N, C-alpha and C. Protein backbone atom coordinates (compact mmCIF):
# COMPACT_ATOMS: atom_id res chain seq x y z
N UNK A 1 70.15 155.84 112.52
CA UNK A 1 69.94 154.49 112.99
C UNK A 1 69.42 154.54 114.40
N UNK A 2 68.34 154.07 114.72
CA UNK A 2 67.90 153.93 116.00
C UNK A 2 68.31 152.83 116.79
N UNK A 3 68.86 153.05 118.00
CA UNK A 3 69.41 151.91 118.82
C UNK A 3 68.28 151.27 119.68
N UNK A 4 68.08 150.00 119.62
CA UNK A 4 67.18 149.57 120.53
C UNK A 4 67.71 149.22 121.84
N UNK A 5 66.98 149.54 122.78
CA UNK A 5 67.48 149.28 124.28
C UNK A 5 66.16 149.16 125.12
N UNK A 6 66.52 148.70 126.44
CA UNK A 6 65.59 148.70 127.50
C UNK A 6 66.14 149.40 128.35
N UNK A 7 65.27 150.15 129.54
CA UNK A 7 65.60 150.82 130.47
C UNK A 7 66.00 150.07 131.87
N UNK A 8 67.11 149.09 131.62
CA UNK A 8 67.66 148.37 132.81
C UNK A 8 69.06 148.17 132.70
N UNK A 9 69.74 147.54 133.79
CA UNK A 9 71.16 147.52 133.97
C UNK A 9 71.76 146.55 132.93
N UNK A 10 71.10 145.71 132.45
CA UNK A 10 71.68 144.69 131.52
C UNK A 10 71.73 145.30 130.27
N UNK A 11 70.85 146.13 129.82
CA UNK A 11 70.70 146.72 128.51
C UNK A 11 71.97 147.86 128.60
N UNK A 12 72.11 148.53 129.83
CA UNK A 12 73.11 149.59 129.86
C UNK A 12 74.43 148.77 129.77
N UNK A 13 74.78 147.75 130.30
CA UNK A 13 76.05 147.04 130.31
C UNK A 13 76.41 146.80 128.97
N UNK A 14 75.12 146.16 128.10
CA UNK A 14 75.45 145.93 126.72
C UNK A 14 75.86 146.88 125.93
N UNK A 15 75.17 148.00 126.08
CA UNK A 15 75.44 149.09 125.23
C UNK A 15 76.75 149.75 125.59
N UNK A 16 77.15 149.82 126.76
CA UNK A 16 78.46 150.24 127.21
C UNK A 16 79.71 149.43 126.61
N UNK A 17 79.40 148.15 126.48
CA UNK A 17 80.48 147.26 125.73
C UNK A 17 80.36 147.52 124.38
N UNK A 18 79.24 147.68 123.71
CA UNK A 18 79.38 147.97 122.20
C UNK A 18 79.90 149.31 121.98
N UNK A 19 79.80 150.34 123.02
CA UNK A 19 80.30 151.53 122.58
C UNK A 19 81.90 151.48 122.86
N UNK A 20 82.43 150.68 123.82
CA UNK A 20 83.78 150.54 124.06
C UNK A 20 84.35 149.80 122.73
N UNK A 21 83.70 148.79 122.23
CA UNK A 21 84.14 148.14 121.04
C UNK A 21 84.45 149.15 119.87
N UNK A 22 83.48 150.08 119.55
CA UNK A 22 83.41 150.75 118.67
C UNK A 22 84.53 152.02 118.76
N UNK A 23 84.71 152.53 119.96
CA UNK A 23 85.63 153.53 120.41
C UNK A 23 87.14 152.73 120.21
N UNK A 24 87.22 151.59 120.46
CA UNK A 24 88.53 150.93 120.35
C UNK A 24 88.88 150.86 119.02
N UNK A 25 87.80 150.44 118.11
CA UNK A 25 88.05 150.05 116.68
C UNK A 25 88.34 151.39 115.83
N UNK A 26 87.74 152.51 116.25
CA UNK A 26 87.69 153.66 115.49
C UNK A 26 89.07 154.21 115.09
N UNK A 27 90.13 154.31 115.90
CA UNK A 27 91.46 154.70 115.59
C UNK A 27 92.07 153.64 114.54
N UNK A 28 91.96 152.41 114.71
CA UNK A 28 92.53 151.55 113.84
C UNK A 28 91.86 151.62 112.50
N UNK A 29 90.58 151.98 112.37
CA UNK A 29 89.89 152.07 111.16
C UNK A 29 90.42 153.49 110.47
N UNK A 30 90.67 154.35 111.12
CA UNK A 30 91.09 155.64 110.61
C UNK A 30 92.33 155.51 110.10
N UNK A 31 93.34 154.69 110.77
CA UNK A 31 94.70 154.53 110.33
C UNK A 31 94.66 153.58 108.88
N UNK A 32 93.80 152.58 109.13
CA UNK A 32 93.75 151.74 107.82
C UNK A 32 93.17 152.73 106.73
N UNK A 33 92.43 153.69 106.93
CA UNK A 33 91.70 154.48 105.90
C UNK A 33 93.02 155.25 105.27
N UNK A 34 93.73 155.80 106.22
CA UNK A 34 94.75 156.66 105.80
C UNK A 34 95.84 156.08 105.06
N UNK A 35 96.14 154.73 105.55
CA UNK A 35 97.27 154.05 104.89
C UNK A 35 96.55 153.59 103.31
N UNK A 36 95.38 153.21 103.24
CA UNK A 36 94.83 153.10 102.08
C UNK A 36 94.83 154.04 101.04
N UNK A 37 94.58 155.38 101.60
CA UNK A 37 94.43 156.49 100.72
C UNK A 37 95.84 156.86 100.20
N UNK A 38 97.08 156.50 100.88
CA UNK A 38 98.30 156.67 100.60
C UNK A 38 98.56 155.69 99.45
N UNK A 39 98.31 154.35 99.75
CA UNK A 39 98.45 153.43 98.73
C UNK A 39 97.69 153.41 97.47
N UNK A 40 96.43 154.03 97.53
CA UNK A 40 95.58 154.23 96.14
C UNK A 40 96.49 155.29 95.42
N UNK A 41 96.84 156.37 96.35
CA UNK A 41 97.59 157.35 95.34
C UNK A 41 99.00 156.94 94.85
N UNK A 42 99.73 156.01 95.48
CA UNK A 42 101.00 155.58 94.78
C UNK A 42 100.55 154.70 93.66
N UNK A 43 99.58 153.81 93.81
CA UNK A 43 99.15 152.92 92.75
C UNK A 43 98.80 153.84 91.41
N UNK A 44 98.00 154.75 91.75
CA UNK A 44 97.52 155.64 90.64
C UNK A 44 98.55 156.29 89.93
N UNK A 45 99.60 156.90 90.68
CA UNK A 45 100.61 157.62 90.17
C UNK A 45 101.61 156.69 89.41
N UNK A 46 101.74 155.50 89.79
CA UNK A 46 102.59 154.45 88.95
C UNK A 46 101.73 153.97 87.60
N UNK A 47 100.35 153.71 87.92
CA UNK A 47 99.58 153.44 86.59
C UNK A 47 99.82 154.57 85.54
N UNK A 48 99.61 155.92 86.06
CA UNK A 48 99.73 156.93 85.17
C UNK A 48 101.10 157.07 84.46
N UNK A 49 102.27 156.83 85.41
CA UNK A 49 103.49 156.78 84.78
C UNK A 49 103.66 155.78 83.85
N UNK A 50 103.22 154.61 83.93
CA UNK A 50 103.44 153.46 83.00
C UNK A 50 102.51 153.94 81.72
N UNK A 51 101.29 154.41 81.87
CA UNK A 51 100.63 154.89 80.66
C UNK A 51 101.32 155.77 79.82
N UNK A 52 101.91 156.93 80.54
CA UNK A 52 102.72 157.99 79.81
C UNK A 52 103.80 157.22 79.23
N UNK A 53 104.44 156.28 79.77
CA UNK A 53 105.81 155.49 79.26
C UNK A 53 105.26 154.83 77.89
N UNK A 54 104.06 154.20 77.99
CA UNK A 54 103.63 153.64 76.78
C UNK A 54 103.47 154.59 75.67
N UNK A 55 102.71 155.58 76.03
CA UNK A 55 102.27 156.72 75.00
C UNK A 55 103.60 157.16 74.54
N UNK A 56 104.70 157.55 75.15
CA UNK A 56 105.87 158.11 74.76
C UNK A 56 106.61 156.97 73.90
N UNK A 57 106.57 155.83 74.31
CA UNK A 57 107.42 154.88 73.42
C UNK A 57 106.68 154.64 72.20
N UNK A 58 105.26 154.64 72.19
CA UNK A 58 104.46 154.31 70.97
C UNK A 58 104.72 155.75 69.97
N UNK A 59 104.85 156.89 70.51
CA UNK A 59 105.23 158.04 69.82
C UNK A 59 106.56 157.80 69.11
N UNK A 60 107.49 157.52 69.97
CA UNK A 60 108.93 157.30 69.48
C UNK A 60 108.93 156.33 68.37
N UNK A 61 108.21 155.37 68.48
CA UNK A 61 108.29 154.32 67.44
C UNK A 61 107.38 154.53 66.20
N UNK A 62 106.37 155.41 66.36
CA UNK A 62 105.57 155.77 65.35
C UNK A 62 106.32 156.36 64.19
N UNK A 63 107.58 156.97 64.46
CA UNK A 63 108.46 157.34 63.20
C UNK A 63 108.80 156.33 62.49
N UNK A 64 108.97 155.04 62.80
CA UNK A 64 109.37 153.99 61.93
C UNK A 64 108.04 153.16 61.57
N UNK A 65 106.89 153.95 61.44
CA UNK A 65 105.74 153.16 61.23
C UNK A 65 105.61 152.22 59.90
N UNK A 66 106.35 152.81 58.86
CA UNK A 66 106.33 152.13 57.63
C UNK A 66 107.02 150.57 57.84
N UNK A 67 108.15 150.60 58.66
CA UNK A 67 108.68 149.19 59.00
C UNK A 67 107.79 148.37 59.79
N UNK A 68 107.01 148.90 60.67
CA UNK A 68 106.01 148.02 61.30
C UNK A 68 105.09 147.30 60.50
N UNK A 69 104.96 147.94 59.35
CA UNK A 69 103.96 147.26 58.49
C UNK A 69 104.68 146.04 57.88
N UNK A 70 105.80 145.86 57.78
CA UNK A 70 106.37 144.62 57.38
C UNK A 70 106.73 143.62 58.55
N UNK A 71 106.40 144.05 59.95
CA UNK A 71 106.82 143.36 61.06
C UNK A 71 105.58 142.16 61.25
N UNK A 72 105.72 141.01 61.64
CA UNK A 72 104.78 139.84 61.79
C UNK A 72 104.44 140.05 63.19
N UNK A 73 103.28 140.49 63.41
CA UNK A 73 102.58 140.70 64.69
C UNK A 73 102.45 139.43 65.44
N UNK A 74 102.49 138.31 64.85
CA UNK A 74 102.26 137.14 65.52
C UNK A 74 103.46 136.43 65.96
N UNK A 75 104.50 136.99 65.70
CA UNK A 75 106.00 136.59 66.13
C UNK A 75 106.24 136.45 67.48
N UNK A 76 105.62 137.52 68.31
CA UNK A 76 105.93 137.45 69.78
C UNK A 76 104.27 137.36 70.22
N UNK A 77 104.29 136.27 71.22
CA UNK A 77 103.00 136.30 72.28
C UNK A 77 103.22 136.07 73.44
N UNK A 78 102.55 136.48 74.29
CA UNK A 78 102.44 136.25 75.78
C UNK A 78 101.98 135.01 76.23
N UNK A 79 102.90 134.26 76.67
CA UNK A 79 102.49 132.70 77.29
C UNK A 79 101.92 132.85 78.48
N UNK A 80 102.59 133.66 79.40
CA UNK A 80 102.31 133.43 80.90
C UNK A 80 102.61 134.84 81.50
N UNK A 81 101.54 135.18 82.47
CA UNK A 81 101.78 136.31 83.30
C UNK A 81 101.92 135.84 84.69
N UNK A 82 103.00 135.98 85.21
CA UNK A 82 103.24 135.53 86.75
C UNK A 82 102.87 136.61 87.65
N UNK A 83 101.91 136.38 88.45
CA UNK A 83 101.44 137.30 89.50
C UNK A 83 101.48 136.61 90.93
N UNK A 84 101.72 137.43 91.96
CA UNK A 84 101.59 137.00 93.29
C UNK A 84 100.78 137.93 94.02
N UNK A 85 100.27 137.69 95.14
CA UNK A 85 99.56 138.56 95.93
C UNK A 85 100.24 139.25 97.17
N UNK A 86 100.09 140.37 97.34
CA UNK A 86 100.51 141.13 98.51
C UNK A 86 99.66 141.81 99.30
N UNK A 87 99.37 141.69 100.44
CA UNK A 87 98.46 142.27 101.45
C UNK A 87 99.04 143.75 101.60
N UNK A 88 98.14 144.70 101.49
CA UNK A 88 98.44 146.10 101.79
C UNK A 88 97.10 146.57 102.66
N UNK A 89 97.28 146.71 103.90
CA UNK A 89 96.40 147.11 104.91
C UNK A 89 95.26 146.36 104.77
N UNK A 90 95.59 145.08 104.83
CA UNK A 90 94.59 144.01 104.98
C UNK A 90 93.72 143.63 103.51
N UNK A 91 94.31 144.33 102.61
CA UNK A 91 93.66 144.09 101.28
C UNK A 91 94.61 143.25 100.18
N UNK A 92 94.06 142.24 99.67
CA UNK A 92 94.97 141.44 98.61
C UNK A 92 95.20 142.11 97.52
N UNK A 93 96.32 142.41 97.01
CA UNK A 93 96.40 143.15 95.64
C UNK A 93 97.53 142.31 94.84
N UNK A 94 97.31 142.40 93.62
CA UNK A 94 98.29 141.65 92.67
C UNK A 94 99.56 142.44 92.54
N UNK A 95 100.59 141.59 92.39
CA UNK A 95 101.97 141.90 92.02
C UNK A 95 102.50 141.22 90.94
N UNK A 96 102.99 142.11 89.89
CA UNK A 96 103.58 141.32 88.63
C UNK A 96 104.92 140.85 88.89
N UNK A 97 105.03 139.78 88.82
CA UNK A 97 106.49 139.11 89.18
C UNK A 97 107.26 138.87 87.81
N UNK A 98 106.49 138.67 86.59
CA UNK A 98 107.21 138.50 85.52
C UNK A 98 106.04 138.15 84.28
N UNK A 99 106.64 138.25 83.13
CA UNK A 99 105.91 137.92 81.80
C UNK A 99 106.80 136.92 81.04
N UNK A 100 106.15 135.86 80.69
CA UNK A 100 106.88 134.99 79.71
C UNK A 100 106.33 135.19 78.37
N UNK A 101 107.32 135.18 77.60
CA UNK A 101 107.01 135.40 76.03
C UNK A 101 107.47 134.45 75.47
N UNK A 102 106.78 134.12 74.18
CA UNK A 102 107.37 132.92 73.12
C UNK A 102 107.40 133.72 71.81
N UNK A 103 108.46 133.36 71.16
CA UNK A 103 108.96 133.79 69.97
C UNK A 103 108.87 132.78 68.91
N UNK A 104 108.15 133.06 67.96
CA UNK A 104 107.99 131.98 66.81
C UNK A 104 109.43 132.11 65.95
N UNK A 105 109.62 130.87 65.46
CA UNK A 105 111.01 130.69 64.90
C UNK A 105 110.85 131.44 63.55
N UNK A 106 111.95 132.22 63.09
CA UNK A 106 111.88 132.69 61.80
C UNK A 106 113.34 132.84 61.25
N UNK A 107 113.64 133.12 60.12
CA UNK A 107 114.81 132.89 59.44
C UNK A 107 115.48 134.47 59.54
N UNK A 108 116.57 134.42 60.12
CA UNK A 108 117.28 135.85 60.35
C UNK A 108 117.80 136.33 59.07
N UNK A 109 118.01 135.34 58.15
CA UNK A 109 118.61 135.74 56.89
C UNK A 109 117.54 136.07 55.95
N UNK A 110 116.36 135.80 56.06
CA UNK A 110 115.33 136.01 55.10
C UNK A 110 114.57 137.30 55.54
N UNK A 111 114.70 137.74 56.84
CA UNK A 111 113.91 138.94 57.46
C UNK A 111 114.86 140.18 57.49
N UNK A 112 114.26 141.45 57.65
CA UNK A 112 115.37 142.59 57.75
C UNK A 112 116.05 142.52 58.92
N UNK A 113 117.19 143.20 59.06
CA UNK A 113 118.00 143.20 60.22
C UNK A 113 117.34 143.65 61.54
N UNK A 114 116.50 144.66 61.31
CA UNK A 114 115.69 145.30 62.52
C UNK A 114 114.67 144.35 63.22
N UNK A 115 114.43 143.21 62.70
CA UNK A 115 113.36 142.36 63.29
C UNK A 115 113.79 141.96 64.67
N UNK A 116 114.86 141.77 65.09
CA UNK A 116 115.35 141.42 66.42
C UNK A 116 115.21 142.62 67.37
N UNK A 117 115.26 143.87 66.85
CA UNK A 117 114.93 144.96 67.52
C UNK A 117 113.36 145.00 67.77
N UNK A 118 112.59 144.69 66.58
CA UNK A 118 111.12 144.72 66.72
C UNK A 118 110.79 143.63 67.70
N UNK A 119 111.20 142.80 67.90
CA UNK A 119 110.98 141.66 68.86
C UNK A 119 111.28 142.30 70.29
N UNK A 120 112.28 142.82 70.55
CA UNK A 120 112.50 143.42 72.07
C UNK A 120 111.57 144.52 72.20
N UNK A 121 111.27 145.40 71.29
CA UNK A 121 110.25 146.44 71.33
C UNK A 121 108.87 146.03 71.81
N UNK A 122 108.56 144.97 71.00
CA UNK A 122 107.11 144.42 71.31
C UNK A 122 107.03 143.91 72.64
N UNK A 123 108.14 143.12 73.00
CA UNK A 123 108.20 142.70 74.42
C UNK A 123 108.10 143.61 75.52
N UNK A 124 109.04 144.65 75.10
CA UNK A 124 108.94 145.88 76.20
C UNK A 124 107.63 146.48 76.36
N UNK A 125 107.10 146.80 75.26
CA UNK A 125 105.63 147.41 75.19
C UNK A 125 104.71 146.48 75.82
N UNK A 126 104.56 145.16 75.49
CA UNK A 126 103.76 144.42 76.02
C UNK A 126 103.84 144.27 77.78
N UNK A 127 105.00 144.10 77.94
CA UNK A 127 105.49 144.28 79.69
C UNK A 127 104.90 145.34 80.11
N UNK A 128 105.09 146.64 79.77
CA UNK A 128 104.72 147.83 80.15
C UNK A 128 103.19 147.84 80.34
N UNK A 129 102.46 147.31 79.23
CA UNK A 129 101.03 147.47 79.15
C UNK A 129 100.49 146.59 80.25
N UNK A 130 101.00 145.39 80.38
CA UNK A 130 100.56 144.41 81.35
C UNK A 130 100.85 144.95 82.95
N UNK A 131 101.98 145.48 83.01
CA UNK A 131 102.26 146.27 84.33
C UNK A 131 101.35 147.20 84.77
N UNK A 132 101.07 148.12 83.63
CA UNK A 132 100.08 149.16 83.95
C UNK A 132 98.64 148.62 84.31
N UNK A 133 98.29 147.50 83.67
CA UNK A 133 96.84 146.96 83.97
C UNK A 133 96.95 146.45 85.40
N UNK A 134 98.10 145.90 85.79
CA UNK A 134 98.18 145.20 87.01
C UNK A 134 98.12 146.56 88.07
N UNK A 135 98.56 147.53 87.82
CA UNK A 135 98.55 148.69 88.78
C UNK A 135 97.02 149.28 88.73
N UNK A 136 96.59 149.28 87.50
CA UNK A 136 95.11 149.81 87.62
C UNK A 136 94.14 148.83 88.51
N UNK A 137 94.45 147.54 88.26
CA UNK A 137 93.67 146.58 89.11
C UNK A 137 93.91 146.95 90.56
N UNK A 138 95.19 147.07 90.97
CA UNK A 138 95.63 147.21 92.34
C UNK A 138 94.97 148.43 92.76
N UNK A 139 94.89 149.32 91.98
CA UNK A 139 94.30 150.85 92.43
C UNK A 139 92.90 150.55 92.66
N UNK A 140 92.12 149.82 91.71
CA UNK A 140 90.59 149.67 91.85
C UNK A 140 90.36 148.91 93.25
N UNK A 141 91.24 147.87 93.46
CA UNK A 141 90.99 147.05 94.79
C UNK A 141 91.27 147.95 96.01
N UNK A 142 92.25 148.71 95.99
CA UNK A 142 92.59 149.58 97.11
C UNK A 142 91.41 150.86 97.31
N UNK A 143 91.22 151.25 96.20
CA UNK A 143 89.93 152.24 96.16
C UNK A 143 88.75 151.89 96.76
N UNK A 144 88.35 150.56 96.43
CA UNK A 144 87.13 149.90 96.87
C UNK A 144 87.23 149.60 98.39
N UNK A 145 88.41 149.19 98.86
CA UNK A 145 88.60 148.97 100.30
C UNK A 145 88.56 150.25 101.09
N UNK A 146 89.21 151.18 100.50
CA UNK A 146 89.11 152.62 100.95
C UNK A 146 87.85 153.16 101.19
N UNK A 147 86.97 153.04 100.35
CA UNK A 147 85.53 153.56 100.37
C UNK A 147 84.81 152.83 101.43
N UNK A 148 84.98 151.52 101.43
CA UNK A 148 84.17 150.57 102.48
C UNK A 148 84.80 151.08 103.98
N UNK A 149 86.19 151.24 104.03
CA UNK A 149 86.58 151.63 105.44
C UNK A 149 86.16 152.97 105.78
N UNK A 150 86.04 154.03 104.71
CA UNK A 150 85.50 155.30 105.14
C UNK A 150 84.13 155.20 105.54
N UNK A 151 83.31 154.41 104.83
CA UNK A 151 81.83 154.27 105.23
C UNK A 151 81.90 153.78 106.50
N UNK A 152 82.55 152.88 106.88
CA UNK A 152 82.59 152.19 108.29
C UNK A 152 83.14 153.15 109.27
N UNK A 153 84.10 154.02 108.98
CA UNK A 153 84.39 155.09 109.93
C UNK A 153 83.36 156.08 110.09
N UNK A 154 82.74 156.59 109.17
CA UNK A 154 81.82 157.44 109.10
C UNK A 154 80.53 156.87 110.01
N UNK A 155 80.31 155.59 109.74
CA UNK A 155 79.14 155.02 110.47
C UNK A 155 79.33 154.95 111.94
N UNK A 156 80.62 154.58 112.41
CA UNK A 156 81.00 154.62 113.78
C UNK A 156 80.95 155.97 114.33
N UNK A 157 81.73 156.98 113.61
CA UNK A 157 81.81 158.19 114.20
C UNK A 157 80.59 159.11 114.32
N UNK A 158 79.82 159.02 113.28
CA UNK A 158 78.63 159.82 113.03
C UNK A 158 77.30 159.30 113.42
N UNK A 159 77.23 158.05 113.48
CA UNK A 159 75.98 157.33 113.74
C UNK A 159 76.02 156.57 115.06
N UNK A 160 76.70 155.38 114.94
CA UNK A 160 76.67 154.55 116.20
C UNK A 160 77.36 155.00 117.49
N UNK A 161 78.46 155.51 117.54
CA UNK A 161 79.08 156.12 118.71
C UNK A 161 78.13 157.14 119.56
N UNK A 162 77.74 158.14 118.57
CA UNK A 162 76.84 159.12 119.40
C UNK A 162 75.41 158.42 119.63
N UNK A 163 74.76 157.46 118.98
CA UNK A 163 73.65 156.71 119.13
C UNK A 163 73.76 155.99 120.44
N UNK A 164 74.92 155.12 120.60
CA UNK A 164 75.28 154.52 121.89
C UNK A 164 75.20 155.43 123.20
N UNK A 165 75.98 156.52 123.08
CA UNK A 165 76.30 157.58 123.95
C UNK A 165 74.81 158.06 124.51
N UNK A 166 73.93 158.47 123.44
CA UNK A 166 72.71 159.08 123.70
C UNK A 166 71.92 157.91 124.56
N UNK A 167 71.99 156.71 124.00
CA UNK A 167 70.96 155.74 124.66
C UNK A 167 71.46 155.46 126.17
N UNK A 168 72.79 155.35 126.24
CA UNK A 168 73.38 155.28 127.46
C UNK A 168 72.91 156.39 128.48
N UNK A 169 73.11 157.54 127.99
CA UNK A 169 72.58 158.72 128.83
C UNK A 169 71.17 158.50 129.03
N UNK A 170 70.35 158.29 128.25
CA UNK A 170 68.85 158.23 128.58
C UNK A 170 68.65 157.06 129.69
N UNK A 171 69.14 155.95 129.55
CA UNK A 171 69.16 154.71 130.33
C UNK A 171 69.63 155.27 131.90
N UNK A 172 70.85 155.93 132.03
CA UNK A 172 71.27 156.39 133.24
C UNK A 172 70.26 157.40 133.79
N UNK A 173 69.81 158.47 133.04
CA UNK A 173 68.78 159.29 133.54
C UNK A 173 67.69 158.65 134.01
N UNK A 174 67.10 157.67 133.21
CA UNK A 174 65.78 156.92 133.77
C UNK A 174 66.12 156.22 134.99
N UNK A 175 67.31 155.48 135.13
CA UNK A 175 67.69 154.82 136.52
C UNK A 175 67.96 155.79 137.44
N UNK A 176 68.44 156.90 137.42
CA UNK A 176 68.56 158.02 138.56
C UNK A 176 67.12 158.51 138.82
N UNK A 177 66.31 158.78 137.86
CA UNK A 177 64.94 159.34 138.15
C UNK A 177 64.13 158.12 138.98
N UNK A 178 64.33 156.87 138.42
CA UNK A 178 63.81 155.78 139.41
C UNK A 178 64.18 155.79 140.68
N UNK A 179 65.46 156.01 140.89
CA UNK A 179 66.19 155.96 142.19
C UNK A 179 65.53 157.07 143.02
N UNK A 180 65.65 158.27 142.51
CA UNK A 180 65.13 159.38 143.12
C UNK A 180 63.65 159.20 143.66
N UNK A 181 62.97 158.63 142.70
CA UNK A 181 61.44 158.60 142.98
C UNK A 181 61.20 157.37 144.07
N UNK A 182 62.06 156.37 143.95
CA UNK A 182 62.05 155.59 145.10
C UNK A 182 62.53 156.13 146.45
N UNK A 183 63.59 156.74 146.41
CA UNK A 183 64.02 157.43 147.73
C UNK A 183 62.93 158.55 148.13
N UNK A 184 62.27 159.26 147.27
CA UNK A 184 61.33 160.01 147.72
C UNK A 184 60.00 159.32 148.26
N UNK A 185 59.78 158.30 147.64
CA UNK A 185 58.53 157.58 148.08
C UNK A 185 58.88 156.77 149.52
N UNK A 186 60.05 156.41 149.74
CA UNK A 186 60.44 155.90 151.09
C UNK A 186 60.46 157.03 152.07
N UNK A 187 60.93 158.31 151.79
CA UNK A 187 60.72 159.35 152.57
C UNK A 187 59.35 159.36 153.09
N UNK A 188 58.60 159.70 151.97
CA UNK A 188 57.15 160.03 152.43
C UNK A 188 56.47 158.83 153.28
N UNK A 189 56.80 157.56 152.81
CA UNK A 189 56.27 156.33 153.65
C UNK A 189 56.75 156.73 155.23
N UNK A 190 58.08 156.90 155.29
CA UNK A 190 58.65 156.93 156.56
C UNK A 190 58.16 158.12 157.26
N UNK A 191 57.93 159.19 156.59
CA UNK A 191 57.42 160.40 157.51
C UNK A 191 55.76 159.99 157.99
N UNK A 192 55.17 159.53 157.03
CA UNK A 192 53.74 159.15 157.27
C UNK A 192 53.83 157.99 158.52
N UNK A 193 54.69 157.01 158.58
CA UNK A 193 54.73 156.25 159.80
C UNK A 193 55.14 156.92 160.84
N UNK A 194 56.04 157.92 160.72
CA UNK A 194 56.30 158.57 162.09
C UNK A 194 55.16 159.51 162.57
N UNK A 195 54.51 160.12 161.46
CA UNK A 195 53.38 160.89 161.88
C UNK A 195 52.23 159.98 162.72
N UNK A 196 51.99 158.73 162.14
CA UNK A 196 51.06 157.69 162.65
C UNK A 196 51.70 157.42 164.08
N UNK A 197 52.84 157.26 164.22
CA UNK A 197 53.23 156.85 165.51
C UNK A 197 53.00 157.94 166.72
N UNK A 198 53.38 159.12 166.13
CA UNK A 198 53.33 160.23 166.95
C UNK A 198 51.76 160.60 167.50
N UNK A 199 50.91 160.41 166.42
CA UNK A 199 49.59 160.64 166.73
C UNK A 199 49.06 159.45 167.62
N UNK A 200 49.69 158.40 167.93
CA UNK A 200 49.11 157.33 168.73
C UNK A 200 49.62 157.69 170.23
């Protein structure tokens, strides 16, 4: 990225100001990136734990698969998923506050005795699956923010800060050369005036 500038004090001051802003922001961005990296890892670990938990429970309940054939799948439905928002390193992430289920009425006397267990198992599996999905969304949001922050850190660190430093160095050299040329010109003029005065 080529930084546009002019060889004057105003441009120099503007570039120095821009450089200060980026140098000041860089440690904050690095801290944010590190915090996001940690949070992404936590969310990923939790999502994986929940997915494993679902698989384990499904495997456990697979043993009584014949009974599930008799179970009415429409008995338990998810009415509401309560979510709130929590900011992590400036990123809004979802938090599962609760899941509201509704259970259709059925005759306890006409259905097998394990139906009540089936209802609680269905609720448990649904809640874990929903929680897993919430953590997956959280992980995606945090990962997206981390990538953006990493890009900005790289932009500042590898492109803009060195670019501004280089431009400032060029302007200072140019101004020093101008000053030296001006002084040299003044010396030449002064020595010629002295020569002319001496010759008269």
